[in-house]
Amino acid sequence: MDLAIIIAVVVVALVFDYTNGFHDAANAIATSVSTRALTPRIALLLAAVMNFVGAFLGQKVAHTVSDTITPPEGSHGLTIVMAGLIGAIAWNIITWYFGLPSSSSHALIGGLVGSALAAGVGVSWDTVVNKVVIPMIISPLFAFGAGFAVMLAIMWLFRRANQHKAMRGFRIAQTVSAAAMALGHGLQDAQKTMGVIFLALLTGGYVAESDGLPFWVIFSAAAAISLGTYSGGWRIMRTLGRRIIHLDPARGFAAESVAASVLYTTAYVIEAPISTTHTITSAVMGVGATKRLSAVRWGVAKSILLAWVFTFPAAGTMAALTYWLCHVVFRLP
């Protein structure tokens, strides 16, 4: 019975990883497509490849995710993990449908916490607060400020340059910054799925807490997010690339470079599963504000902000309801 549930949890986790890929595909490539630095198909292929590579570059974020809750061993604990995943997937699909770039990361953590609370099992609030909630607040604020500052620096450095030649150079440079952003997305988001699968294996007694991630876990998570990315996220891409602000190549390069830097720093230094969506969206707003504050479509930004605020509790609520259905209606352990 436990083995069957573990297999089911792994499958659902990979489905979440796939939805993460198409939900967050826009994070890496929307700015490059909107500035015509890359064609949509080439951009998606680049993002898919770099997502796959990025998934192999670390395990610290995965272990942070697996430490957020402490479900009991056996079938009951696996049901809790399953409910958390389903809650996250449901919120991902809802926000994707409406074209809102919400956070898959916070949907996942919120789902796990929601199902754990519904089941009355332990939540590591120290991990949730210090490595999820605080970075959730700080990372978009920093990305906005850094995006604004970097764009001001670029404007000053190239103030006497031929604008046509400069923009052509930045359009080429965006290929590098988009690749760096996609690599950071794979580094961050694929690891979150790895963490959930590791948590399921730990709950089922198939690994010890001190063990590293099995290679098949890393490979399958990398493949799932890569395939999801290649399938595209056109609804959210329009929101990021056009509806917030119309970007030029210089601003696209600045936003992607800042966002990628934040992703690498948080993955390797803080070990925090931050939102790639929050990071790139805030960076886009920051670079856009250098035109003038009114250039940013703050109405769209308000809708995105509301989606961010509601993601954690909404995914948690859906996960709690899923746990209740599994435990009470379907009589699962």
C-alpha atoms as a PDB file:
ATOM      1  CA  MET A   1       0.000   0.000   0.000  1.00  0.00           C
ATOM      2  CA  ASP A   2       2.769   2.467   0.950  1.00  0.00           C
ATOM      3  CA  LEU A   3       4.672   1.755  -2.275  1.00  0.00           C
ATOM      4  CA  ALA A   4       1.551   2.420  -4.362  1.00  0.00           C
ATOM      5  CA  ILE A   5       0.994   5.745  -2.577  1.00  0.00           C
ATOM      6  CA  ILE A   6       4.662   6.712  -2.994  1.00  0.00           C
ATOM      7  CA  ILE A   7       4.427   6.035  -6.726  1.00  0.00           C
ATOM      8  CA  ALA A   8       1.239   8.116  -6.862  1.00  0.00           C
ATOM      9  CA  VAL A   9       2.913  10.968  -4.956  1.00  0.00           C
ATOM     10  CA  VAL A  10       5.919  10.900  -7.309  1.00  0.00           C
ATOM     11  CA  VAL A  11       3.619  11.022 -10.340  1.00  0.00           C
ATOM     12  CA  VAL A  12       1.592  13.910  -8.902  1.00  0.00           C
ATOM     13  CA  ALA A  13       4.835  15.721  -7.964  1.00  0.00           C
ATOM     14  CA  LEU A  14       6.051  15.436 -11.548  1.00  0.00           C
ATOM     15  CA  VAL A  15       2.677  16.687 -12.786  1.00  0.00           C
ATOM     16  CA  PHE A  16       3.169  19.704 -10.490  1.00  0.00           C
ATOM     17  CA  ASP A  17       6.658  20.126 -11.927  1.00  0.00           C
ATOM     18  CA  TYR A  18       5.209  20.074 -15.437  1.00  0.00           C
ATOM     19  CA  THR A  19       2.558  22.674 -14.551  1.00  0.00           C
ATOM     20  CA  ASN A  20       5.321  24.723 -12.919  1.00  0.00           C
ATOM     21  CA  GLY A  21       7.186  24.619 -16.217  1.00  0.00           C
ATOM     22  CA  PHE A  22       4.367  25.924 -18.397  1.00  0.00           C
ATOM     23  CA  HIS A  23       3.121  28.271 -15.670  1.00  0.00           C
ATOM     24  CA  ASP A  24       6.563  29.824 -15.195  1.00  0.00           C
ATOM     25  CA  ALA A  25       7.895  29.562 -18.757  1.00  0.00           C
ATOM     26  CA  ALA A  26       7.181  33.258 -19.175  1.00  0.00           C
ATOM     27  CA  ASN A  27       9.526  34.114 -16.305  1.00  0.00           C
ATOM     28  CA  ALA A  28      12.602  33.378 -18.363  1.00  0.00           C
ATOM     29  CA  ILE A  29      11.570  34.408 -21.848  1.00  0.00           C
ATOM     30  CA  ALA A  30       8.690  36.896 -21.854  1.00  0.00           C
ATOM     31  CA  THR A  31      10.989  39.920 -21.866  1.00  0.00           C
ATOM     32  CA  SER A  32      13.170  38.496 -24.663  1.00  0.00           C
ATOM     33  CA  VAL A  33      10.138  37.675 -26.804  1.00  0.00           C
ATOM     34  CA  SER A  34       8.457  41.043 -26.186  1.00  0.00           C
ATOM     35  CA  THR A  35      11.597  42.918 -27.273  1.00  0.00           C
ATOM     36  CA  ARG A  36      12.002  40.545 -30.257  1.00  0.00           C
ATOM     37  CA  ALA A  37      15.430  39.502 -29.110  1.00  0.00           C
ATOM     38  CA  LEU A  38      14.281  35.907 -29.597  1.00  0.00           C
ATOM     39  CA  THR A  39      11.434  34.275 -31.478  1.00  0.00           C
ATOM     40  CA  PRO A  40       8.894  32.522 -29.236  1.00  0.00           C
ATOM     41  CA  ARG A  41       9.860  29.005 -30.365  1.00  0.00           C
ATOM     42  CA  ILE A  42      13.612  29.587 -30.022  1.00  0.00           C
ATOM     43  CA  ALA A  43      13.054  31.243 -26.655  1.00  0.00           C
ATOM     44  CA  LEU A  44      11.014  28.283 -25.391  1.00  0.00           C
ATOM     45  CA  LEU A  45      13.642  25.812 -26.587  1.00  0.00           C
ATOM     46  CA  LEU A  46      16.406  27.824 -24.904  1.00  0.00           C
ATOM     47  CA  ALA A  47      14.414  28.030 -21.667  1.00  0.00           C
ATOM     48  CA  ALA A  48      13.652  24.302 -21.709  1.00  0.00           C
ATOM     49  CA  VAL A  49      17.297  23.337 -22.192  1.00  0.00           C
ATOM     50  CA  MET A  50      18.580  25.734 -19.536  1.00  0.00           C
ATOM     51  CA  ASN A  51      15.866  24.644 -17.090  1.00  0.00           C
ATOM     52  CA  PHE A  52      17.028  21.055 -17.531  1.00  0.00           C
ATOM     53  CA  VAL A  53      20.679  21.976 -16.940  1.00  0.00           C
ATOM     54  CA  GLY A  54      19.858  24.213 -13.968  1.00  0.00           C
ATOM     55  CA  ALA A  55      18.116  21.363 -12.161  1.00  0.00           C
ATOM     56  CA  PHE A  56      21.468  19.578 -11.783  1.00  0.00           C
ATOM     57  CA  LEU A  57      23.302  22.519 -10.206  1.00  0.00           C
ATOM     58  CA  GLY A  58      22.306  22.165  -6.551  1.00  0.00           C
ATOM     59  CA  GLN A  59      20.261  20.456  -3.839  1.00  0.00           C
ATOM     60  CA  LYS A  60      20.055  23.005  -1.016  1.00  0.00           C
ATOM     61  CA  VAL A  61      16.631  24.353  -1.976  1.00  0.00           C
ATOM     62  CA  ALA A  62      15.278  20.802  -2.257  1.00  0.00           C
ATOM     63  CA  HIS A  63      16.300  20.012   1.312  1.00  0.00           C
ATOM     64  CA  THR A  64      14.721  23.256   2.542  1.00  0.00           C
ATOM     65  CA  VAL A  65      11.411  22.247   0.939  1.00  0.00           C
ATOM     66  CA  SER A  66      11.573  18.759   2.462  1.00  0.00           C
ATOM     67  CA  ASP A  67      12.114  20.317   5.893  1.00  0.00           C
ATOM     68  CA  THR A  68       8.943  22.463   5.892  1.00  0.00           C
ATOM     69  CA  ILE A  69       6.696  19.778   7.389  1.00  0.00           C
ATOM     70  CA  THR A  70       7.276  16.573   9.352  1.00  0.00           C
ATOM     71  CA  PRO A  71       4.557  14.123   8.343  1.00  0.00           C
ATOM     72  CA  PRO A  72       4.306  10.785  10.149  1.00  0.00           C
ATOM     73  CA  GLU A  73       5.836   7.769   8.458  1.00  0.00           C
ATOM     74  CA  GLY A  74       3.614   5.503   6.393  1.00  0.00           C
ATOM     75  CA  SER A  75       0.415   5.942   4.412  1.00  0.00           C
ATOM     76  CA  HIS A  76      -0.994   8.806   6.489  1.00  0.00           C
ATOM     77  CA  GLY A  77       2.086  10.950   5.955  1.00  0.00           C
ATOM     78  CA  LEU A  78       2.098  10.214   2.235  1.00  0.00           C
ATOM     79  CA  THR A  79      -1.565  11.245   1.981  1.00  0.00           C
ATOM     80  CA  ILE A  80      -0.648  14.590   3.577  1.00  0.00           C
ATOM     81  CA  VAL A  81       2.110  15.167   1.000  1.00  0.00           C
ATOM     82  CA  MET A  82      -0.252  14.166  -1.834  1.00  0.00           C
ATOM     83  CA  ALA A  83      -2.930  16.605  -0.638  1.00  0.00           C
ATOM     84  CA  GLY A  84      -0.365  19.414  -0.501  1.00  0.00           C
ATOM     85  CA  LEU A  85       0.668  18.757  -4.088  1.00  0.00           C
ATOM     86  CA  ILE A  86      -2.901  18.675  -5.375  1.00  0.00           C
ATOM     87  CA  GLY A  87      -3.661  21.978  -3.664  1.00  0.00           C
ATOM     88  CA  ALA A  88      -0.620  23.568  -5.339  1.00  0.00           C
ATOM     89  CA  ILE A  89      -1.512  22.173  -8.764  1.00  0.00           C
ATOM     90  CA  ALA A  90      -5.095  23.443  -8.471  1.00  0.00           C
ATOM     91  CA  TRP A  91      -3.934  26.991  -7.688  1.00  0.00           C
ATOM     92  CA  ASN A  92      -1.350  26.875 -10.493  1.00  0.00           C
ATOM     93  CA  ILE A  93      -4.023  25.966 -13.020  1.00  0.00           C
ATOM     94  CA  ILE A  94      -6.443  28.647 -11.783  1.00  0.00           C
ATOM     95  CA  THR A  95      -3.850  31.431 -11.980  1.00  0.00           C
ATOM     96  CA  TRP A  96      -2.560  30.158 -15.338  1.00  0.00           C
ATOM     97  CA  TYR A  97      -6.099  30.243 -16.746  1.00  0.00           C
ATOM     98  CA  PHE A  98      -6.507  33.888 -15.748  1.00  0.00           C
ATOM     99  CA  GLY A  99      -2.993  34.763 -16.938  1.00  0.00           C
ATOM    100  CA  LEU A 100      -1.745  35.817 -13.499  1.00  0.00           C
ATOM    101  CA  PRO A 101       1.966  35.214 -12.766  1.00  0.00           C
ATOM    102  CA  SER A 102       1.536  33.872  -9.238  1.00  0.00           C
ATOM    103  CA  SER A 103       4.201  31.860  -7.439  1.00  0.00           C
ATOM    104  CA  SER A 104       4.405  28.100  -7.942  1.00  0.00           C
ATOM    105  CA  SER A 105       6.911  28.019  -5.089  1.00  0.00           C
ATOM    106  CA  HIS A 106       4.560  29.563  -2.574  1.00  0.00           C
ATOM    107  CA  ALA A 107       1.682  27.472  -3.904  1.00  0.00           C
ATOM    108  CA  LEU A 108       3.737  24.358  -3.130  1.00  0.00           C
ATOM    109  CA  ILE A 109       4.815  25.463   0.347  1.00  0.00           C
ATOM    110  CA  GLY A 110       1.312  26.737   1.096  1.00  0.00           C
ATOM    111  CA  GLY A 111      -0.169  23.434  -0.029  1.00  0.00           C
ATOM    112  CA  LEU A 112       2.158  21.391   2.169  1.00  0.00           C
ATOM    113  CA  VAL A 113       1.502  23.623   5.191  1.00  0.00           C
ATOM    114  CA  GLY A 114      -2.260  23.574   4.590  1.00  0.00           C
ATOM    115  CA  SER A 115      -2.485  19.792   4.405  1.00  0.00           C
ATOM    116  CA  ALA A 116      -0.200  19.425   7.449  1.00  0.00           C
ATOM    117  CA  LEU A 117      -2.364  21.785   9.511  1.00  0.00           C
ATOM    118  CA  ALA A 118      -5.520  19.961   8.417  1.00  0.00           C
ATOM    119  CA  ALA A 119      -3.957  16.686   9.529  1.00  0.00           C
ATOM    120  CA  GLY A 120      -2.670  18.148  12.787  1.00  0.00           C
ATOM    121  CA  VAL A 121       0.981  17.280  12.139  1.00  0.00           C
ATOM    122  CA  GLY A 122       4.143  19.310  12.652  1.00  0.00           C
ATOM    123  CA  VAL A 123       5.068  22.346  10.564  1.00  0.00           C
ATOM    124  CA  SER A 124       8.595  23.738  10.790  1.00  0.00           C
ATOM    125  CA  TRP A 125       7.570  27.365  11.278  1.00  0.00           C
ATOM    126  CA  ASP A 126      11.190  28.439  11.601  1.00  0.00           C
ATOM    127  CA  THR A 127      11.860  27.174   8.062  1.00  0.00           C
ATOM    128  CA  VAL A 128       8.571  28.542   6.712  1.00  0.00           C
ATOM    129  CA  VAL A 129       9.081  32.018   8.190  1.00  0.00           C
ATOM    130  CA  ASN A 130      12.845  32.451   7.719  1.00  0.00           C
ATOM    131  CA  LYS A 131      13.285  30.694   4.370  1.00  0.00           C
ATOM    132  CA  VAL A 132       9.905  31.248   2.723  1.00  0.00           C
ATOM    133  CA  VAL A 133       7.898  34.172   4.107  1.00  0.00           C
ATOM    134  CA  ILE A 134      10.752  36.636   4.739  1.00  0.00           C
ATOM    135  CA  PRO A 135      12.461  35.982   1.363  1.00  0.00           C
ATOM    136  CA  MET A 136       8.983  36.196  -0.231  1.00  0.00           C
ATOM    137  CA  ILE A 137       8.739  39.773   1.006  1.00  0.00           C
ATOM    138  CA  ILE A 138      12.367  40.857   0.561  1.00  0.00           C
ATOM    139  CA  SER A 139      13.191  39.353  -2.860  1.00  0.00           C
ATOM    140  CA  PRO A 140      10.630  41.320  -4.940  1.00  0.00           C
ATOM    141  CA  LEU A 141      11.455  44.559  -3.110  1.00  0.00           C
ATOM    142  CA  PHE A 142      15.160  44.030  -3.765  1.00  0.00           C
ATOM    143  CA  ALA A 143      14.528  43.059  -7.397  1.00  0.00           C
ATOM    144  CA  PHE A 144      12.467  46.213  -7.937  1.00  0.00           C
ATOM    145  CA  GLY A 145      15.149  48.455  -6.403  1.00  0.00           C
ATOM    146  CA  ALA A 146      18.026  46.674  -8.136  1.00  0.00           C
ATOM    147  CA  GLY A 147      16.221  46.746 -11.483  1.00  0.00           C
ATOM    148  CA  PHE A 148      15.665  50.492 -11.119  1.00  0.00           C
ATOM    149  CA  ALA A 149      19.327  51.086 -10.135  1.00  0.00           C
ATOM    150  CA  VAL A 150      20.838  48.888 -12.854  1.00  0.00           C
ATOM    151  CA  MET A 151      18.681  50.511 -15.524  1.00  0.00           C
ATOM    152  CA  LEU A 152      19.700  53.979 -14.345  1.00  0.00           C
ATOM    153  CA  ALA A 153      23.344  52.898 -14.605  1.00  0.00           C
ATOM    154  CA  ILE A 154      22.810  51.588 -18.135  1.00  0.00           C
ATOM    155  CA  MET A 155      21.072  54.811 -19.175  1.00  0.00           C
ATOM    156  CA  TRP A 156      23.990  56.875 -17.833  1.00  0.00           C
ATOM    157  CA  LEU A 157      26.704  54.658 -19.357  1.00  0.00           C
ATOM    158  CA  PHE A 158      25.064  54.662 -22.804  1.00  0.00           C
ATOM    159  CA  ARG A 159      23.743  58.229 -22.760  1.00  0.00           C
ATOM    160  CA  ARG A 160      25.994  59.258 -25.658  1.00  0.00           C
ATOM    161  CA  ALA A 161      25.816  55.992 -27.596  1.00  0.00           C
ATOM    162  CA  ASN A 162      24.013  55.574 -30.889  1.00  0.00           C
ATOM    163  CA  GLN A 163      20.608  54.338 -29.725  1.00  0.00           C
ATOM    164  CA  HIS A 164      20.037  52.055 -32.707  1.00  0.00           C
ATOM    165  CA  LYS A 165      23.393  50.300 -32.264  1.00  0.00           C
ATOM    166  CA  ALA A 166      23.012  50.149 -28.485  1.00  0.00           C
ATOM    167  CA  MET A 167      19.598  48.525 -28.675  1.00  0.00           C
ATOM    168  CA  ARG A 168      20.860  46.033 -31.240  1.00  0.00           C
ATOM    169  CA  GLY A 169      23.663  45.119 -28.844  1.00  0.00           C
ATOM    170  CA  PHE A 170      21.263  44.710 -25.935  1.00  0.00           C
ATOM    171  CA  ARG A 171      19.002  42.553 -28.083  1.00  0.00           C
ATOM    172  CA  ILE A 172      21.943  40.188 -28.613  1.00  0.00           C
ATOM    173  CA  ALA A 173      22.886  40.377 -24.927  1.00  0.00           C
ATOM    174  CA  GLN A 174      19.355  39.327 -24.015  1.00  0.00           C
ATOM    175  CA  THR A 175      20.095  35.869 -25.349  1.00  0.00           C
ATOM    176  CA  VAL A 176      22.648  35.509 -22.534  1.00  0.00           C
ATOM    177  CA  SER A 177      20.449  37.105 -19.861  1.00  0.00           C
ATOM    178  CA  ALA A 178      17.441  34.979 -20.858  1.00  0.00           C
ATOM    179  CA  ALA A 179      19.593  31.844 -20.669  1.00  0.00           C
ATOM    180  CA  ALA A 180      20.865  32.903 -17.238  1.00  0.00           C
ATOM    181  CA  MET A 181      17.294  33.497 -16.064  1.00  0.00           C
ATOM    182  CA  ALA A 182      16.159  30.082 -17.332  1.00  0.00           C
ATOM    183  CA  LEU A 183      19.141  28.418 -15.659  1.00  0.00           C
ATOM    184  CA  GLY A 184      18.184  30.088 -12.374  1.00  0.00           C
ATOM    185  CA  HIS A 185      14.592  28.971 -12.813  1.00  0.00           C
ATOM    186  CA  GLY A 186      15.703  25.353 -13.199  1.00  0.00           C
ATOM    187  CA  LEU A 187      18.038  25.721 -10.218  1.00  0.00           C
ATOM    188  CA  GLN A 188      15.206  27.035  -8.045  1.00  0.00           C
ATOM    189  CA  ASP A 189      11.959  25.464  -9.210  1.00  0.00           C
ATOM    190  CA  ALA A 190      13.007  21.953 -10.237  1.00  0.00           C
ATOM    191  CA  GLN A 191      14.573  21.537  -6.805  1.00  0.00           C
ATOM    192  CA  LYS A 192      11.227  22.221  -5.131  1.00  0.00           C
ATOM    193  CA  THR A 193       9.735  19.156  -6.782  1.00  0.00           C
ATOM    194  CA  MET A 194      12.828  17.151  -5.883  1.00  0.00           C
ATOM    195  CA  GLY A 195      12.292  18.205  -2.272  1.00  0.00           C
ATOM    196  CA  VAL A 196       8.701  16.926  -2.270  1.00  0.00           C
ATOM    197  CA  ILE A 197       9.704  13.597  -3.819  1.00  0.00           C
ATOM    198  CA  PHE A 198      12.501  13.270  -1.264  1.00  0.00           C
ATOM    199  CA  LEU A 199       9.969  14.046   1.496  1.00  0.00           C
ATOM    200  CA  ALA A 200       7.722  11.257   0.173  1.00  0.00           C
ATOM    201  CA  LEU A 201      10.628   8.789   0.051  1.00  0.00           C
ATOM    202  CA  LEU A 202      11.643   9.833   3.570  1.00  0.00           C
ATOM    203  CA  THR A 203       8.075   9.405   4.839  1.00  0.00           C
ATOM    204  CA  GLY A 204       7.885   5.971   3.215  1.00  0.00           C
ATOM    205  CA  GLY A 205      11.198   4.925   4.759  1.00  0.00           C
ATOM    206  CA  TYR A 206      13.066   4.556   1.467  1.00  0.00           C
ATOM    207  CA  VAL A 207      15.763   7.150   2.247  1.00  0.00           C
ATOM    208  CA  ALA A 208      17.377   8.589   5.373  1.00  0.00           C
ATOM    209  CA  GLU A 209      17.346  12.304   6.167  1.00  0.00           C
ATOM    210  CA  SER A 210      21.113  12.512   5.683  1.00  0.00           C
ATOM    211  CA  ASP A 211      20.990  10.943   2.198  1.00  0.00           C
ATOM    212  CA  GLY A 212      21.540  12.927  -0.961  1.00  0.00           C
ATOM    213  CA  LEU A 213      18.963  13.099  -3.707  1.00  0.00           C
ATOM    214  CA  PRO A 214      18.880   9.963  -5.889  1.00  0.00           C
ATOM    215  CA  PHE A 215      19.878  10.627  -9.492  1.00  0.00           C
ATOM    216  CA  TRP A 216      16.514   9.436 -10.854  1.00  0.00           C
ATOM    217  CA  VAL A 217      14.751  12.089  -8.737  1.00  0.00           C
ATOM    218  CA  ILE A 218      16.953  14.864 -10.144  1.00  0.00           C
ATOM    219  CA  PHE A 219      16.632  13.635 -13.734  1.00  0.00           C
ATOM    220  CA  SER A 220      12.853  13.135 -13.657  1.00  0.00           C
ATOM    221  CA  ALA A 221      12.253  16.563 -12.055  1.00  0.00           C
ATOM    222  CA  ALA A 222      14.564  18.205 -14.607  1.00  0.00           C
ATOM    223  CA  ALA A 223      12.793  16.474 -17.505  1.00  0.00           C
ATOM    224  CA  ALA A 224       9.288  17.335 -16.246  1.00  0.00           C
ATOM    225  CA  ILE A 225       9.955  21.055 -15.782  1.00  0.00           C
ATOM    226  CA  SER A 226      11.808  21.191 -19.092  1.00  0.00           C
ATOM    227  CA  LEU A 227       8.900  19.598 -20.981  1.00  0.00           C
ATOM    228  CA  GLY A 228       6.444  21.884 -19.211  1.00  0.00           C
ATOM    229  CA  THR A 229       8.499  24.920 -20.166  1.00  0.00           C
ATOM    230  CA  TYR A 230       8.643  23.896 -23.815  1.00  0.00           C
ATOM    231  CA  SER A 231       4.857  23.525 -23.918  1.00  0.00           C
ATOM    232  CA  GLY A 232       4.761  27.254 -23.172  1.00  0.00           C
ATOM    233  CA  GLY A 233       2.834  29.684 -21.033  1.00  0.00           C
ATOM    234  CA  TRP A 234       1.477  32.186 -23.505  1.00  0.00           C
ATOM    235  CA  ARG A 235      -1.197  33.721 -21.268  1.00  0.00           C
ATOM    236  CA  ILE A 236       1.298  34.694 -18.565  1.00  0.00           C
ATOM    237  CA  MET A 237       3.898  35.669 -21.160  1.00  0.00           C
ATOM    238  CA  ARG A 238       1.572  38.404 -22.420  1.00  0.00           C
ATOM    239  CA  THR A 239       1.122  39.741 -18.888  1.00  0.00           C
ATOM    240  CA  LEU A 240       4.848  39.876 -18.136  1.00  0.00           C
ATOM    241  CA  GLY A 241       6.064  41.000 -21.534  1.00  0.00           C
ATOM    242  CA  ARG A 242       3.446  43.523 -22.581  1.00  0.00           C
ATOM    243  CA  ARG A 243       0.707  44.271 -20.072  1.00  0.00           C
ATOM    244  CA  ILE A 244       2.937  45.474 -17.208  1.00  0.00           C
ATOM    245  CA  ILE A 245       5.066  47.723 -19.422  1.00  0.00           C
ATOM    246  CA  HIS A 246       6.300  47.751 -22.997  1.00  0.00           C
ATOM    247  CA  LEU A 247       9.990  46.847 -22.706  1.00  0.00           C
ATOM    248  CA  ASP A 248      12.917  47.741 -24.918  1.00  0.00           C
ATOM    249  CA  PRO A 249      16.007  45.451 -25.194  1.00  0.00           C
ATOM    250  CA  ALA A 250      18.050  47.409 -22.635  1.00  0.00           C
ATOM    251  CA  ARG A 251      15.313  47.172 -20.019  1.00  0.00           C
ATOM    252  CA  GLY A 252      14.719  43.515 -20.840  1.00  0.00           C
ATOM    253  CA  PHE A 253      18.416  42.771 -20.362  1.00  0.00           C
ATOM    254  CA  ALA A 254      18.521  44.669 -17.063  1.00  0.00           C
ATOM    255  CA  ALA A 255      15.416  42.922 -15.688  1.00  0.00           C
ATOM    256  CA  GLU A 256      16.634  39.440 -16.617  1.00  0.00           C
ATOM    257  CA  SER A 257      20.152  40.041 -15.279  1.00  0.00           C
ATOM    258  CA  VAL A 258      18.885  41.319 -11.926  1.00  0.00           C
ATOM    259  CA  ALA A 259      16.359  38.507 -11.543  1.00  0.00           C
ATOM    260  CA  ALA A 260      18.909  35.807 -12.395  1.00  0.00           C
ATOM    261  CA  SER A 261      21.382  37.225  -9.867  1.00  0.00           C
ATOM    262  CA  VAL A 262      18.734  37.119  -7.121  1.00  0.00           C
ATOM    263  CA  LEU A 263      17.851  33.498  -7.981  1.00  0.00           C
ATOM    264  CA  TYR A 264      21.469  32.315  -7.774  1.00  0.00           C
ATOM    265  CA  THR A 265      22.135  34.175  -4.529  1.00  0.00           C
ATOM    266  CA  THR A 266      19.079  32.811  -2.742  1.00  0.00           C
ATOM    267  CA  ALA A 267      19.658  29.256  -3.984  1.00  0.00           C
ATOM    268  CA  TYR A 268      23.319  29.022  -2.953  1.00  0.00           C
ATOM    269  CA  VAL A 269      23.641  31.454  -0.036  1.00  0.00           C
ATOM    270  CA  ILE A 270      20.260  31.611   1.706  1.00  0.00           C
ATOM    271  CA  GLU A 271      19.006  28.188   0.493  1.00  0.00           C
ATOM    272  CA  ALA A 272      15.553  29.744   0.160  1.00  0.00           C
ATOM    273  CA  PRO A 273      12.905  28.576  -2.335  1.00  0.00           C
ATOM    274  CA  ILE A 274      11.996  32.045  -3.582  1.00  0.00           C
ATOM    275  CA  SER A 275       9.539  32.835  -6.328  1.00  0.00           C
ATOM    276  CA  THR A 276      11.003  33.264  -9.788  1.00  0.00           C
ATOM    277  CA  THR A 277       7.692  34.901 -10.725  1.00  0.00           C
ATOM    278  CA  HIS A 278       7.870  37.530  -7.985  1.00  0.00           C
ATOM    279  CA  THR A 279      11.498  38.219  -8.804  1.00  0.00           C
ATOM    280  CA  ILE A 280      11.262  38.795 -12.550  1.00  0.00           C
ATOM    281  CA  THR A 281       7.952  40.669 -12.321  1.00  0.00           C
ATOM    282  CA  SER A 282       9.368  43.065  -9.723  1.00  0.00           C
ATOM    283  CA  ALA A 283      12.517  43.557 -11.785  1.00  0.00           C
ATOM    284  CA  VAL A 284      10.387  44.374 -14.848  1.00  0.00           C
ATOM    285  CA  MET A 285       8.478  46.962 -12.807  1.00  0.00           C
ATOM    286  CA  GLY A 286      11.743  48.404 -11.488  1.00  0.00           C
ATOM    287  CA  VAL A 287      13.329  48.892 -14.901  1.00  0.00           C
ATOM    288  CA  GLY A 288      10.039  50.191 -16.267  1.00  0.00           C
ATOM    289  CA  ALA A 289       9.793  52.829 -13.559  1.00  0.00           C
ATOM    290  CA  THR A 290      12.952  54.497 -14.934  1.00  0.00           C
ATOM    291  CA  LYS A 291      10.878  55.762 -17.864  1.00  0.00           C
ATOM    292  CA  ARG A 292       8.372  57.334 -15.491  1.00  0.00           C
ATOM    293  CA  LEU A 293       6.230  55.851 -12.758  1.00  0.00           C
ATOM    294  CA  SER A 294       3.132  56.176 -14.913  1.00  0.00           C
ATOM    295  CA  ALA A 295       4.746  53.976 -17.574  1.00  0.00           C
ATOM    296  CA  VAL A 296       4.097  50.925 -15.389  1.00  0.00           C
ATOM    297  CA  ARG A 297       0.510  49.740 -15.651  1.00  0.00           C
ATOM    298  CA  TRP A 298      -0.152  49.713 -11.919  1.00  0.00           C
ATOM    299  CA  GLY A 299      -3.648  48.285 -12.382  1.00  0.00           C
ATOM    300  CA  VAL A 300      -2.145  45.094 -13.786  1.00  0.00           C
ATOM    301  CA  ALA A 301       0.499  45.179 -11.058  1.00  0.00           C
ATOM    302  CA  LYS A 302      -2.271  45.376  -8.446  1.00  0.00           C
ATOM    303  CA  SER A 303      -3.921  42.232  -9.845  1.00  0.00           C
ATOM    304  CA  ILE A 304      -0.580  40.429  -9.748  1.00  0.00           C
ATOM    305  CA  LEU A 305       0.028  41.595  -6.173  1.00  0.00           C
ATOM    306  CA  LEU A 306      -3.357  40.240  -5.080  1.00  0.00           C
ATOM    307  CA  ALA A 307      -2.523  36.887  -6.685  1.00  0.00           C
ATOM    308  CA  TRP A 308       0.775  36.851  -4.752  1.00  0.00           C
ATOM    309  CA  VAL A 309      -0.953  37.643  -1.449  1.00  0.00           C
ATOM    310  CA  PHE A 310      -3.634  34.991  -1.888  1.00  0.00           C
ATOM    311  CA  THR A 311      -1.365  32.233  -3.232  1.00  0.00           C
ATOM    312  CA  PHE A 312      -0.120  30.876   0.090  1.00  0.00           C
ATOM    313  CA  PRO A 313      -3.513  30.741   1.890  1.00  0.00           C
ATOM    314  CA  ALA A 314      -5.454  29.725  -1.237  1.00  0.00           C
ATOM    315  CA  ALA A 315      -3.192  26.775  -2.038  1.00  0.00           C
ATOM    316  CA  GLY A 316      -3.200  25.842   1.653  1.00  0.00           C
ATOM    317  CA  THR A 317      -7.004  25.888   1.771  1.00  0.00           C
ATOM    318  CA  MET A 318      -7.274  23.736  -1.360  1.00  0.00           C
ATOM    319  CA  ALA A 319      -4.756  21.292   0.093  1.00  0.00           C
ATOM    320  CA  ALA A 320      -6.658  21.116   3.388  1.00  0.00           C
ATOM    321  CA  LEU A 321      -9.903  20.381   1.520  1.00  0.00           C
ATOM    322  CA  THR A 322      -8.106  17.732  -0.533  1.00  0.00           C
ATOM    323  CA  TYR A 323      -6.801  16.117   2.646  1.00  0.00           C
ATOM    324  CA  TRP A 324     -10.310  16.147   4.095  1.00  0.00           C
ATOM    325  CA  LEU A 325     -11.707  14.485   0.959  1.00  0.00           C
ATOM    326  CA  CYS A 326      -8.987  11.833   0.974  1.00  0.00           C
ATOM    327  CA  HIS A 327      -9.201  11.159   4.687  1.00  0.00           C
ATOM    328  CA  VAL A 328     -12.921  11.440   5.354  1.00  0.00           C
ATOM    329  CA  VAL A 329     -14.732  10.770   2.074  1.00  0.00           C
ATOM    330  CA  PHE A 330     -12.415   8.236   0.439  1.00  0.00           C
ATOM    331  CA  ARG A 331     -11.205   6.734   3.718  1.00  0.00           C
ATOM    332  CA  LEU A 332      -7.539   6.965   2.815  1.00  0.00           C
ATOM    333  CA  PRO A 333      -5.121   6.689   5.751  1.00  0.00           C
END
